Amino acid sequence: MDEKQNKPLRILLSNDDGVFAEGINALADELREIAQVIVVAPDRNRSGASNSLTLEQPLRVNRIGDDVYSVQGTPTDCVHFALNELLKDDLPDLVLSGINHGANLGDDVLYSGTVAAAMEGHFLGVQSIAFSLVGKHHFSSAAKIARQLVEQHLTSPIPTNRLLNVNIPDRPFEQLQQIEVTRLGARHHAENMIKQQDPRGHTIYWLGPPGKEQDAGMGTDFFAIEQDVVSITPLQVDLTAHESLRAMDDWLKDASHE
């Protein structure tokens, strides 16, 4: 028998809400029934950290339980440390990020620490999936969806070398029987910043709320969630606008001939 088939499934979990967040612990509890789970997550909430790395100071890592590690760093730091140091001699089979406390739809993926943690796993050669609950209540439902997708991957591996972004409606599991593949929607620009004064009279600024949905039609992740459907969006990391390469080349040549 293939030695790999004898090895237990090993899953690395991370997030951006912090190692003590309800979402990641619900996910860990569900997946421990089918896999060895290693949790490496930020020591506090690092939402919106995107793909940032800590470069100006060392990472401090604390083991706070069996296969549970707290990192004074970003979500990307956590996965980078786990795959390049902690687990470098025996990489996990999957990297899962989440369950995020709130949606990561459309443009959100550019800022999301949840998606960034999964993206780092993808960069480093491990199949990775980001999970987000569009709400704050039914984490157990989202964890069951995650387990369902993991078990399907074991039976029939995900047929593409892509990072997956999964958003789950905040509903009881019995209401989440439909799953659809979607594309990213888009939001309008964020609303204006909020200007205030602190108790000492200094001016401070808060980021305004996210913009309303701009592209939320059929086929988008926004539309799926509105229909209480689980959304799965395959993401690619190559940001090159390939269709623009020829036009840019012509533009430069035209300039050089003037």
C-alpha atoms as a PDB file:
ATOM      1  CA  MET A   1       0.000   0.000   0.000  1.00  0.00           C
ATOM      2  CA  ASP A   2       1.143   3.535  -0.774  1.00  0.00           C
ATOM      3  CA  GLU A   3       2.902   4.987   2.305  1.00  0.00           C
ATOM      4  CA  LYS A   4       1.145   8.307   1.733  1.00  0.00           C
ATOM      5  CA  GLN A   5      -2.239   6.589   2.081  1.00  0.00           C
ATOM      6  CA  ASN A   6      -1.216   5.361   5.535  1.00  0.00           C
ATOM      7  CA  LYS A   7      -0.363   8.851   6.788  1.00  0.00           C
ATOM      8  CA  PRO A   8      -3.083  10.740   8.629  1.00  0.00           C
ATOM      9  CA  LEU A   9      -4.421  13.873   6.991  1.00  0.00           C
ATOM     10  CA  ARG A  10      -2.590  16.941   8.311  1.00  0.00           C
ATOM     11  CA  ILE A  11      -4.135  20.406   8.093  1.00  0.00           C
ATOM     12  CA  LEU A  12      -2.610  23.773   8.982  1.00  0.00           C
ATOM     13  CA  LEU A  13      -5.119  26.345  10.221  1.00  0.00           C
ATOM     14  CA  SER A  14      -4.583  30.088  10.441  1.00  0.00           C
ATOM     15  CA  ASN A  15      -6.745  33.212  10.400  1.00  0.00           C
ATOM     16  CA  ASP A  16      -6.723  36.980  10.897  1.00  0.00           C
ATOM     17  CA  ASP A  17      -9.132  37.235  13.852  1.00  0.00           C
ATOM     18  CA  GLY A  18      -6.610  35.758  16.278  1.00  0.00           C
ATOM     19  CA  VAL A  19      -5.812  32.388  17.796  1.00  0.00           C
ATOM     20  CA  PHE A  20      -8.628  32.642  20.366  1.00  0.00           C
ATOM     21  CA  ALA A  21     -11.352  33.589  17.857  1.00  0.00           C
ATOM     22  CA  GLU A  22     -14.525  31.542  17.748  1.00  0.00           C
ATOM     23  CA  GLY A  23     -14.242  30.875  14.020  1.00  0.00           C
ATOM     24  CA  ILE A  24     -10.858  29.189  13.985  1.00  0.00           C
ATOM     25  CA  ASN A  25     -11.688  27.119  17.054  1.00  0.00           C
ATOM     26  CA  ALA A  26     -14.980  25.917  15.572  1.00  0.00           C
ATOM     27  CA  LEU A  27     -13.077  24.904  12.442  1.00  0.00           C
ATOM     28  CA  ALA A  28     -10.372  23.134  14.447  1.00  0.00           C
ATOM     29  CA  ASP A  29     -12.917  21.210  16.533  1.00  0.00           C
ATOM     30  CA  GLU A  30     -14.747  19.994  13.426  1.00  0.00           C
ATOM     31  CA  LEU A  31     -11.619  18.963  11.504  1.00  0.00           C
ATOM     32  CA  ARG A  32      -9.942  17.178  14.409  1.00  0.00           C
ATOM     33  CA  GLU A  33     -12.454  14.390  13.846  1.00  0.00           C
ATOM     34  CA  ILE A  34     -10.831  13.580  10.487  1.00  0.00           C
ATOM     35  CA  ALA A  35      -7.301  15.033  10.621  1.00  0.00           C
ATOM     36  CA  GLN A  36      -4.335  16.130  12.646  1.00  0.00           C
ATOM     37  CA  VAL A  37      -4.837  19.880  12.987  1.00  0.00           C
ATOM     38  CA  ILE A  38      -2.007  22.339  13.622  1.00  0.00           C
ATOM     39  CA  VAL A  39      -3.110  25.880  14.494  1.00  0.00           C
ATOM     40  CA  VAL A  40      -0.695  28.761  13.887  1.00  0.00           C
ATOM     41  CA  ALA A  41      -2.492  32.088  14.209  1.00  0.00           C
ATOM     42  CA  PRO A  42      -1.926  35.701  15.277  1.00  0.00           C
ATOM     43  CA  ASP A  43      -1.943  36.467  18.988  1.00  0.00           C
ATOM     44  CA  ARG A  44      -4.613  39.145  18.403  1.00  0.00           C
ATOM     45  CA  ASN A  45      -6.998  40.419  15.769  1.00  0.00           C
ATOM     46  CA  ARG A  46      -5.119  41.328  12.583  1.00  0.00           C
ATOM     47  CA  SER A  47      -8.079  41.858  10.253  1.00  0.00           C
ATOM     48  CA  GLY A  48      -7.269  43.861   7.137  1.00  0.00           C
ATOM     49  CA  ALA A  49      -3.570  42.977   7.288  1.00  0.00           C
ATOM     50  CA  SER A  50      -3.656  41.668   3.717  1.00  0.00           C
ATOM     51  CA  ASN A  51      -0.337  40.080   2.643  1.00  0.00           C
ATOM     52  CA  SER A  52       1.872  42.108   4.974  1.00  0.00           C
ATOM     53  CA  LEU A  53       4.990  40.519   6.451  1.00  0.00           C
ATOM     54  CA  THR A  54       6.850  41.572   9.594  1.00  0.00           C
ATOM     55  CA  LEU A  55      10.312  42.629   8.406  1.00  0.00           C
ATOM     56  CA  GLU A  56      11.634  45.095  10.991  1.00  0.00           C
ATOM     57  CA  GLN A  57      11.447  42.853  14.065  1.00  0.00           C
ATOM     58  CA  PRO A  58      11.615  39.128  14.895  1.00  0.00           C
ATOM     59  CA  LEU A  59       8.538  36.974  15.280  1.00  0.00           C
ATOM     60  CA  ARG A  60       7.721  35.778  18.792  1.00  0.00           C
ATOM     61  CA  VAL A  61       5.969  32.411  18.825  1.00  0.00           C
ATOM     62  CA  ASN A  62       4.316  30.824  21.861  1.00  0.00           C
ATOM     63  CA  ARG A  63       3.011  27.283  22.077  1.00  0.00           C
ATOM     64  CA  ILE A  64      -0.275  27.598  23.946  1.00  0.00           C
ATOM     65  CA  GLY A  65      -1.646  24.072  23.530  1.00  0.00           C
ATOM     66  CA  ASP A  66      -1.167  20.764  21.730  1.00  0.00           C
ATOM     67  CA  ASP A  67      -0.350  21.782  18.154  1.00  0.00           C
ATOM     68  CA  VAL A  68      -1.579  25.324  18.831  1.00  0.00           C
ATOM     69  CA  TYR A  69       0.799  28.268  18.357  1.00  0.00           C
ATOM     70  CA  SER A  70       0.300  31.994  18.891  1.00  0.00           C
ATOM     71  CA  VAL A  71       2.392  34.366  16.751  1.00  0.00           C
ATOM     72  CA  GLN A  72       3.043  38.056  17.348  1.00  0.00           C
ATOM     73  CA  GLY A  73       2.671  38.801  13.678  1.00  0.00           C
ATOM     74  CA  THR A  74       0.383  38.941  10.675  1.00  0.00           C
ATOM     75  CA  PRO A  75      -1.613  36.094   9.102  1.00  0.00           C
ATOM     76  CA  THR A  76       0.989  35.824   6.349  1.00  0.00           C
ATOM     77  CA  ASP A  77       3.743  35.661   8.988  1.00  0.00           C
ATOM     78  CA  CYS A  78       1.929  32.756  10.620  1.00  0.00           C
ATOM     79  CA  VAL A  79       1.684  30.601   7.502  1.00  0.00           C
ATOM     80  CA  HIS A  80       5.195  31.564   6.386  1.00  0.00           C
ATOM     81  CA  PHE A  81       6.598  30.497   9.763  1.00  0.00           C
ATOM     82  CA  ALA A  82       4.579  27.287   9.819  1.00  0.00           C
ATOM     83  CA  LEU A  83       5.581  26.084   6.356  1.00  0.00           C
ATOM     84  CA  ASN A  84       9.177  27.335   6.329  1.00  0.00           C
ATOM     85  CA  GLU A  85      10.114  26.418   9.895  1.00  0.00           C
ATOM     86  CA  LEU A  86       7.650  24.591  12.129  1.00  0.00           C
ATOM     87  CA  LEU A  87       6.436  22.061   9.540  1.00  0.00           C
ATOM     88  CA  LYS A  88       9.192  22.347   6.927  1.00  0.00           C
ATOM     89  CA  ASP A  89      10.224  18.695   7.206  1.00  0.00           C
ATOM     90  CA  ASP A  90       6.671  17.371   6.852  1.00  0.00           C
ATOM     91  CA  LEU A  91       4.394  19.820   5.084  1.00  0.00           C
ATOM     92  CA  PRO A  92       0.649  19.632   5.725  1.00  0.00           C
ATOM     93  CA  ASP A  93      -1.767  18.370   3.095  1.00  0.00           C
ATOM     94  CA  LEU A  94      -3.892  21.498   3.255  1.00  0.00           C
ATOM     95  CA  VAL A  95      -3.745  25.080   4.504  1.00  0.00           C
ATOM     96  CA  LEU A  96      -7.117  26.417   5.640  1.00  0.00           C
ATOM     97  CA  SER A  97      -7.706  29.982   6.780  1.00  0.00           C
ATOM     98  CA  GLY A  98     -10.688  31.151   8.846  1.00  0.00           C
ATOM     99  CA  ILE A  99     -13.431  30.866   9.673  1.00  0.00           C
ATOM    100  CA  ASN A 100     -13.418  34.638   9.286  1.00  0.00           C
ATOM    101  CA  HIS A 101     -15.813  36.704  11.389  1.00  0.00           C
ATOM    102  CA  GLY A 102     -17.532  38.375   8.445  1.00  0.00           C
ATOM    103  CA  ALA A 103     -17.629  38.211   4.665  1.00  0.00           C
ATOM    104  CA  ASN A 104     -14.731  38.360   2.228  1.00  0.00           C
ATOM    105  CA  LEU A 105     -16.590  39.141  -0.981  1.00  0.00           C
ATOM    106  CA  GLY A 106     -15.531  40.968  -4.127  1.00  0.00           C
ATOM    107  CA  ASP A 107     -12.841  43.591  -3.526  1.00  0.00           C
ATOM    108  CA  ASP A 108     -12.537  42.477   0.123  1.00  0.00           C
ATOM    109  CA  VAL A 109     -10.032  39.825  -0.955  1.00  0.00           C
ATOM    110  CA  LEU A 110      -7.443  42.553  -1.649  1.00  0.00           C
ATOM    111  CA  TYR A 111      -7.390  43.582   2.015  1.00  0.00           C
ATOM    112  CA  SER A 112      -8.327  40.370   3.772  1.00  0.00           C
ATOM    113  CA  GLY A 113      -5.840  38.769   6.146  1.00  0.00           C
ATOM    114  CA  THR A 114      -7.922  35.589   5.919  1.00  0.00           C
ATOM    115  CA  VAL A 115      -7.415  35.337   2.164  1.00  0.00           C
ATOM    116  CA  ALA A 116      -3.765  36.392   2.542  1.00  0.00           C
ATOM    117  CA  ALA A 117      -3.030  33.526   4.941  1.00  0.00           C
ATOM    118  CA  ALA A 118      -4.421  31.049   2.434  1.00  0.00           C
ATOM    119  CA  MET A 119      -2.562  32.823  -0.372  1.00  0.00           C
ATOM    120  CA  GLU A 120       0.740  32.318   1.454  1.00  0.00           C
ATOM    121  CA  GLY A 121       0.019  28.609   1.644  1.00  0.00           C
ATOM    122  CA  HIS A 122      -0.710  28.644  -2.070  1.00  0.00           C
ATOM    123  CA  PHE A 123       2.550  30.527  -2.759  1.00  0.00           C
ATOM    124  CA  LEU A 124       4.440  27.855  -0.838  1.00  0.00           C
ATOM    125  CA  GLY A 125       2.937  24.974  -2.767  1.00  0.00           C
ATOM    126  CA  VAL A 126       0.137  23.677  -0.538  1.00  0.00           C
ATOM    127  CA  GLN A 127      -3.505  23.544  -1.617  1.00  0.00           C
ATOM    128  CA  SER A 128      -5.183  26.341   0.326  1.00  0.00           C
ATOM    129  CA  ILE A 129      -8.734  27.478   1.061  1.00  0.00           C
ATOM    130  CA  ALA A 130     -10.050  30.585   2.835  1.00  0.00           C
ATOM    131  CA  PHE A 131     -13.374  30.367   4.698  1.00  0.00           C
ATOM    132  CA  SER A 132     -15.542  33.291   5.807  1.00  0.00           C
ATOM    133  CA  LEU A 133     -18.900  33.385   7.581  1.00  0.00           C
ATOM    134  CA  VAL A 134     -21.146  36.186   6.353  1.00  0.00           C
ATOM    135  CA  GLY A 135     -22.243  36.960   9.907  1.00  0.00           C
ATOM    136  CA  LYS A 136     -21.309  36.142  13.490  1.00  0.00           C
ATOM    137  CA  HIS A 137     -23.526  33.289  14.639  1.00  0.00           C
ATOM    138  CA  HIS A 138     -23.456  29.946  12.799  1.00  0.00           C
ATOM    139  CA  PHE A 139     -19.767  29.085  12.917  1.00  0.00           C
ATOM    140  CA  SER A 140     -20.582  25.403  13.385  1.00  0.00           C
ATOM    141  CA  SER A 141     -22.467  25.454  10.072  1.00  0.00           C
ATOM    142  CA  ALA A 142     -19.488  26.988   8.290  1.00  0.00           C
ATOM    143  CA  ALA A 143     -17.175  24.421   9.905  1.00  0.00           C
ATOM    144  CA  LYS A 144     -19.347  21.589   8.572  1.00  0.00           C
ATOM    145  CA  ILE A 145     -19.201  23.086   5.074  1.00  0.00           C
ATOM    146  CA  ALA A 146     -15.409  23.258   5.394  1.00  0.00           C
ATOM    147  CA  ARG A 147     -15.256  19.618   6.458  1.00  0.00           C
ATOM    148  CA  GLN A 148     -17.514  18.638   3.564  1.00  0.00           C
ATOM    149  CA  LEU A 149     -15.181  20.333   1.064  1.00  0.00           C
ATOM    150  CA  VAL A 150     -12.087  18.797   2.669  1.00  0.00           C
ATOM    151  CA  GLU A 151     -13.592  15.321   2.479  1.00  0.00           C
ATOM    152  CA  GLN A 152     -14.568  15.872  -1.146  1.00  0.00           C
ATOM    153  CA  HIS A 153     -10.986  16.994  -1.883  1.00  0.00           C
ATOM    154  CA  LEU A 154      -9.693  13.761  -0.348  1.00  0.00           C
ATOM    155  CA  THR A 155     -12.002  11.678  -2.528  1.00  0.00           C
ATOM    156  CA  SER A 156     -11.540  13.770  -5.653  1.00  0.00           C
ATOM    157  CA  PRO A 157      -8.746  16.395  -5.462  1.00  0.00           C
ATOM    158  CA  ILE A 158      -9.584  19.997  -6.370  1.00  0.00           C
ATOM    159  CA  PRO A 159      -9.052  20.048 -10.158  1.00  0.00           C
ATOM    160  CA  THR A 160      -7.101  23.286 -10.416  1.00  0.00           C
ATOM    161  CA  ASN A 161      -3.991  24.830  -8.934  1.00  0.00           C
ATOM    162  CA  ARG A 162      -5.949  27.732  -7.497  1.00  0.00           C
ATOM    163  CA  LEU A 163      -6.539  29.307  -4.132  1.00  0.00           C
ATOM    164  CA  LEU A 164     -10.216  28.969  -3.168  1.00  0.00           C
ATOM    165  CA  ASN A 165     -12.230  31.684  -1.420  1.00  0.00           C
ATOM    166  CA  VAL A 166     -15.355  30.317   0.283  1.00  0.00           C
ATOM    167  CA  ASN A 167     -18.107  32.467   1.797  1.00  0.00           C
ATOM    168  CA  ILE A 168     -20.870  30.837   3.830  1.00  0.00           C
ATOM    169  CA  PRO A 169     -24.246  32.434   4.633  1.00  0.00           C
ATOM    170  CA  ASP A 170     -24.954  32.813   8.353  1.00  0.00           C
ATOM    171  CA  ARG A 171     -27.613  30.099   8.446  1.00  0.00           C
ATOM    172  CA  PRO A 172     -28.215  26.716  10.126  1.00  0.00           C
ATOM    173  CA  PHE A 173     -26.406  23.915   8.313  1.00  0.00           C
ATOM    174  CA  GLU A 174     -29.658  22.356   7.089  1.00  0.00           C
ATOM    175  CA  GLN A 175     -30.247  25.486   5.018  1.00  0.00           C
ATOM    176  CA  LEU A 176     -26.821  25.332   3.333  1.00  0.00           C
ATOM    177  CA  GLN A 177     -27.248  22.437   0.937  1.00  0.00           C
ATOM    178  CA  GLN A 178     -26.478  24.464  -2.194  1.00  0.00           C
ATOM    179  CA  ILE A 179     -22.907  25.389  -3.166  1.00  0.00           C
ATOM    180  CA  GLU A 180     -22.011  27.325  -6.322  1.00  0.00           C
ATOM    181  CA  VAL A 181     -18.824  28.353  -8.079  1.00  0.00           C
ATOM    182  CA  THR A 182     -18.822  32.139  -8.486  1.00  0.00           C
ATOM    183  CA  ARG A 183     -16.714  35.055  -9.662  1.00  0.00           C
ATOM    184  CA  LEU A 184     -15.770  38.021  -7.527  1.00  0.00           C
ATOM    185  CA  GLY A 185     -18.240  40.876  -7.517  1.00  0.00           C
ATOM    186  CA  ALA A 186     -17.201  44.486  -6.959  1.00  0.00           C
ATOM    187  CA  ARG A 187     -18.048  47.335  -4.601  1.00  0.00           C
ATOM    188  CA  HIS A 188     -18.311  51.071  -5.124  1.00  0.00           C
ATOM    189  CA  HIS A 189     -15.560  53.177  -3.567  1.00  0.00           C
ATOM    190  CA  ALA A 190     -15.485  53.191   0.226  1.00  0.00           C
ATOM    191  CA  GLU A 191     -17.427  55.963   1.900  1.00  0.00           C
ATOM    192  CA  ASN A 192     -15.681  59.090   3.191  1.00  0.00           C
ATOM    193  CA  MET A 193     -13.364  58.911   6.175  1.00  0.00           C
ATOM    194  CA  ILE A 194     -14.742  59.980   9.548  1.00  0.00           C
ATOM    195  CA  LYS A 195     -12.891  62.900  11.131  1.00  0.00           C
ATOM    196  CA  GLN A 196     -13.002  63.293  14.924  1.00  0.00           C
ATOM    197  CA  GLN A 197     -10.989  64.639  17.835  1.00  0.00           C
ATOM    198  CA  ASP A 198      -9.490  62.530  20.602  1.00  0.00           C
ATOM    199  CA  PRO A 199      -9.869  63.580  24.301  1.00  0.00           C
ATOM    200  CA  ARG A 200      -6.688  65.687  24.006  1.00  0.00           C
ATOM    201  CA  GLY A 201      -7.981  67.667  21.044  1.00  0.00           C
ATOM    202  CA  HIS A 202      -5.887  65.903  18.401  1.00  0.00           C
ATOM    203  CA  THR A 203      -7.499  65.190  15.049  1.00  0.00           C
ATOM    204  CA  ILE A 204      -8.012  61.507  14.284  1.00  0.00           C
ATOM    205  CA  TYR A 205      -9.480  59.691  11.288  1.00  0.00           C
ATOM    206  CA  TRP A 206     -11.480  56.473  10.983  1.00  0.00           C
ATOM    207  CA  LEU A 207     -11.803  54.554   7.748  1.00  0.00           C
ATOM    208  CA  GLY A 208     -15.274  54.898   6.287  1.00  0.00           C
ATOM    209  CA  PRO A 209     -17.547  51.874   5.808  1.00  0.00           C
ATOM    210  CA  PRO A 210     -17.098  49.714   2.704  1.00  0.00           C
ATOM    211  CA  GLY A 211     -18.848  50.826  -0.445  1.00  0.00           C
ATOM    212  CA  LYS A 212     -22.136  49.321  -1.555  1.00  0.00           C
ATOM    213  CA  GLU A 213     -22.201  46.502  -4.100  1.00  0.00           C
ATOM    214  CA  GLN A 214     -21.538  47.717  -7.640  1.00  0.00           C
ATOM    215  CA  ASP A 215     -21.314  44.405  -9.492  1.00  0.00           C
ATOM    216  CA  ALA A 216     -23.524  41.947  -7.624  1.00  0.00           C
ATOM    217  CA  GLY A 217     -25.357  40.281 -10.500  1.00  0.00           C
ATOM    218  CA  MET A 218     -25.965  36.629 -11.205  1.00  0.00           C
ATOM    219  CA  GLY A 219     -22.778  34.589 -11.043  1.00  0.00           C
ATOM    220  CA  THR A 220     -21.059  36.791  -8.463  1.00  0.00           C
ATOM    221  CA  ASP A 221     -20.236  35.872  -4.892  1.00  0.00           C
ATOM    222  CA  PHE A 222     -22.518  38.712  -3.698  1.00  0.00           C
ATOM    223  CA  PHE A 223     -25.471  37.248  -5.592  1.00  0.00           C
ATOM    224  CA  ALA A 224     -24.878  33.738  -4.225  1.00  0.00           C
ATOM    225  CA  ILE A 225     -24.860  34.966  -0.639  1.00  0.00           C
ATOM    226  CA  GLU A 226     -28.074  36.931  -1.230  1.00  0.00           C
ATOM    227  CA  GLN A 227     -29.655  33.632  -2.285  1.00  0.00           C
ATOM    228  CA  ASP A 228     -28.351  31.846   0.851  1.00  0.00           C
ATOM    229  CA  VAL A 229     -25.961  29.851  -1.332  1.00  0.00           C
ATOM    230  CA  VAL A 230     -22.394  28.959  -0.344  1.00  0.00           C
ATOM    231  CA  SER A 231     -19.992  30.743  -2.699  1.00  0.00           C
ATOM    232  CA  ILE A 232     -16.690  29.250  -3.892  1.00  0.00           C
ATOM    233  CA  THR A 233     -14.456  31.507  -5.980  1.00  0.00           C
ATOM    234  CA  PRO A 234     -11.167  30.232  -7.429  1.00  0.00           C
ATOM    235  CA  LEU A 235      -8.535  32.972  -7.246  1.00  0.00           C
ATOM    236  CA  GLN A 236      -5.338  33.428  -9.219  1.00  0.00           C
ATOM    237  CA  VAL A 237      -2.329  35.301  -7.893  1.00  0.00           C
ATOM    238  CA  ASP A 238      -0.934  36.508 -11.225  1.00  0.00           C
ATOM    239  CA  LEU A 239      -2.057  40.158 -11.410  1.00  0.00           C
ATOM    240  CA  THR A 240      -0.656  40.697 -14.909  1.00  0.00           C
ATOM    241  CA  ALA A 241      -3.216  42.210 -17.297  1.00  0.00           C
ATOM    242  CA  HIS A 242      -2.196  39.858 -20.093  1.00  0.00           C
ATOM    243  CA  GLU A 243      -4.685  41.303 -22.604  1.00  0.00           C
ATOM    244  CA  SER A 244      -2.955  44.695 -22.226  1.00  0.00           C
ATOM    245  CA  LEU A 245       0.601  43.561 -22.956  1.00  0.00           C
ATOM    246  CA  ARG A 246       0.422  44.098 -26.722  1.00  0.00           C
ATOM    247  CA  ALA A 247      -1.258  47.511 -26.366  1.00  0.00           C
ATOM    248  CA  MET A 248       1.375  48.645 -23.867  1.00  0.00           C
ATOM    249  CA  ASP A 249       4.164  47.431 -26.127  1.00  0.00           C
ATOM    250  CA  ASP A 250       2.684  49.375 -29.050  1.00  0.00           C
ATOM    251  CA  TRP A 251       2.309  52.456 -26.819  1.00  0.00           C
ATOM    252  CA  LEU A 252       5.986  52.404 -25.901  1.00  0.00           C
ATOM    253  CA  LYS A 253       7.058  51.870 -29.533  1.00  0.00           C
ATOM    254  CA  ASP A 254       4.864  54.760 -30.699  1.00  0.00           C
ATOM    255  CA  ALA A 255       6.437  57.049 -28.083  1.00  0.00           C
ATOM    256  CA  SER A 256       9.954  56.103 -29.178  1.00  0.00           C
ATOM    257  CA  HIS A 257       9.160  57.044 -32.806  1.00  0.00           C
ATOM    258  CA  GLU A 258       7.947  60.563 -32.017  1.00  0.00           C
END
